[in-house]
Structure formats: structure tokens, C-alpha cells
Amino acid sequence: MAPRDRTWFKSSHSEGQEHQTCVEVALTPDTTAVRDSKAPGAGHLTVPHPAWSALLSSLR
């Protein structure tokens, strides 16, 4: 799936003035794609769902 065909979304925690820097995420059946919300055309990182879940778990 091409990046332009994905549905990108931001976390609901990304709203407001205090959260000026955030990422956008797009899901496919097997992967999670992540990009900078302020520079969406600069590229993205795509990782398997288990790797994304492991990263989020380590940050909690």
C-alpha cells in the first residue's frame, strides 16, 4: 500500500498547544507506518505490528 493510499491519524493526546510535536500513524493488516505530522512528505518508517507494540510498551 502506497503512503498516499493510507489513512493517517494522530493520537487524541496530540491536540492542543502543548503538543506541537507529534507523529501520525497509518495501519495496514501487517504493519504500522509512522511519520512526522509537521513534515508528512519527508518519508515514513514502517514496522511490523509486534515491533510497534514492543516500542509502545517500553515507553509506558
C-alpha atoms as a PDB file:
ATOM      1  CA  MET A   1       0.000   0.000   0.000  1.00  0.00           C
ATOM      2  CA  ALA A   2       1.491   3.322  -1.060  1.00  0.00           C
ATOM      3  CA  PRO A   3       1.834   6.002   1.682  1.00  0.00           C
ATOM      4  CA  ARG A   4      -0.641   8.287  -0.089  1.00  0.00           C
ATOM      5  CA  ASP A   5      -3.236   5.472  -0.032  1.00  0.00           C
ATOM      6  CA  ARG A   6      -3.021   5.064   3.724  1.00  0.00           C
ATOM      7  CA  THR A   7      -5.271   6.696   6.262  1.00  0.00           C
ATOM      8  CA  TRP A   8      -3.014   8.633   8.622  1.00  0.00           C
ATOM      9  CA  PHE A   9      -4.161   9.659  12.108  1.00  0.00           C
ATOM     10  CA  LYS A  10      -2.816  11.398  15.201  1.00  0.00           C
ATOM     11  CA  SER A  11      -3.416  10.380  18.776  1.00  0.00           C
ATOM     12  CA  SER A  12      -6.182  12.193  20.618  1.00  0.00           C
ATOM     13  CA  HIS A  13      -3.399  13.155  23.082  1.00  0.00           C
ATOM     14  CA  SER A  14      -1.789  15.250  20.332  1.00  0.00           C
ATOM     15  CA  GLU A  15      -4.333  18.064  20.400  1.00  0.00           C
ATOM     16  CA  GLY A  16      -3.716  21.492  21.898  1.00  0.00           C
ATOM     17  CA  GLN A  17      -0.877  23.988  22.144  1.00  0.00           C
ATOM     18  CA  GLU A  18       1.273  21.928  24.497  1.00  0.00           C
ATOM     19  CA  HIS A  19       1.625  19.109  21.964  1.00  0.00           C
ATOM     20  CA  GLN A  20       3.114  20.859  18.958  1.00  0.00           C
ATOM     21  CA  THR A  21       5.322  17.897  18.050  1.00  0.00           C
ATOM     22  CA  CYS A  22       3.693  14.597  17.253  1.00  0.00           C
ATOM     23  CA  VAL A  23       3.642  11.705  14.847  1.00  0.00           C
ATOM     24  CA  GLU A  24       0.957  10.292  12.612  1.00  0.00           C
ATOM     25  CA  VAL A  25       0.287   6.578  12.296  1.00  0.00           C
ATOM     26  CA  ALA A  26      -1.228   4.518   9.490  1.00  0.00           C
ATOM     27  CA  LEU A  27      -2.136   0.848   9.832  1.00  0.00           C
ATOM     28  CA  THR A  28      -2.113  -1.955   7.293  1.00  0.00           C
ATOM     29  CA  PRO A  29      -3.021  -5.569   8.079  1.00  0.00           C
ATOM     30  CA  ASP A  30       0.623  -6.381   8.925  1.00  0.00           C
ATOM     31  CA  THR A  31       2.437  -3.112   9.604  1.00  0.00           C
ATOM     32  CA  THR A  32       2.369   0.224  11.372  1.00  0.00           C
ATOM     33  CA  ALA A  33       3.693   3.242   9.476  1.00  0.00           C
ATOM     34  CA  VAL A  34       4.870   6.314  11.390  1.00  0.00           C
ATOM     35  CA  ARG A  35       5.680   9.810  10.085  1.00  0.00           C
ATOM     36  CA  ASP A  36       6.286  13.330  11.374  1.00  0.00           C
ATOM     37  CA  SER A  37       2.985  15.228  11.350  1.00  0.00           C
ATOM     38  CA  LYS A  38       4.760  18.519  10.548  1.00  0.00           C
ATOM     39  CA  ALA A  39       6.625  17.050   7.554  1.00  0.00           C
ATOM     40  CA  PRO A  40       4.424  14.297   6.126  1.00  0.00           C
ATOM     41  CA  GLY A  41       6.191  14.365   2.779  1.00  0.00           C
ATOM     42  CA  ALA A  42       9.602  13.719   4.337  1.00  0.00           C
ATOM     43  CA  GLY A  43       9.066   9.972   4.487  1.00  0.00           C
ATOM     44  CA  HIS A  44       7.892   7.419   6.982  1.00  0.00           C
ATOM     45  CA  LEU A  45       9.043   4.388   8.948  1.00  0.00           C
ATOM     46  CA  THR A  46       7.168   1.106   8.531  1.00  0.00           C
ATOM     47  CA  VAL A  47       7.497  -1.650  11.118  1.00  0.00           C
ATOM     48  CA  PRO A  48       5.657  -4.907  11.845  1.00  0.00           C
ATOM     49  CA  HIS A  49       2.857  -4.560  14.422  1.00  0.00           C
ATOM     50  CA  PRO A  50       4.752  -6.565  17.088  1.00  0.00           C
ATOM     51  CA  ALA A  51       7.721  -4.173  16.874  1.00  0.00           C
ATOM     52  CA  TRP A  52       5.446  -1.118  17.241  1.00  0.00           C
ATOM     53  CA  SER A  53       3.666  -2.705  20.205  1.00  0.00           C
ATOM     54  CA  ALA A  54       7.001  -3.508  21.852  1.00  0.00           C
ATOM     55  CA  LEU A  55       8.138   0.108  21.443  1.00  0.00           C
ATOM     56  CA  LEU A  56       4.933   1.472  22.973  1.00  0.00           C
ATOM     57  CA  SER A  57       5.142  -0.996  25.860  1.00  0.00           C
ATOM     58  CA  SER A  58       8.719   0.053  26.608  1.00  0.00           C
ATOM     59  CA  LEU A  59       7.644   3.725  26.773  1.00  0.00           C
ATOM     60  CA  ARG A  60       4.866   3.162  29.301  1.00  0.00           C
END
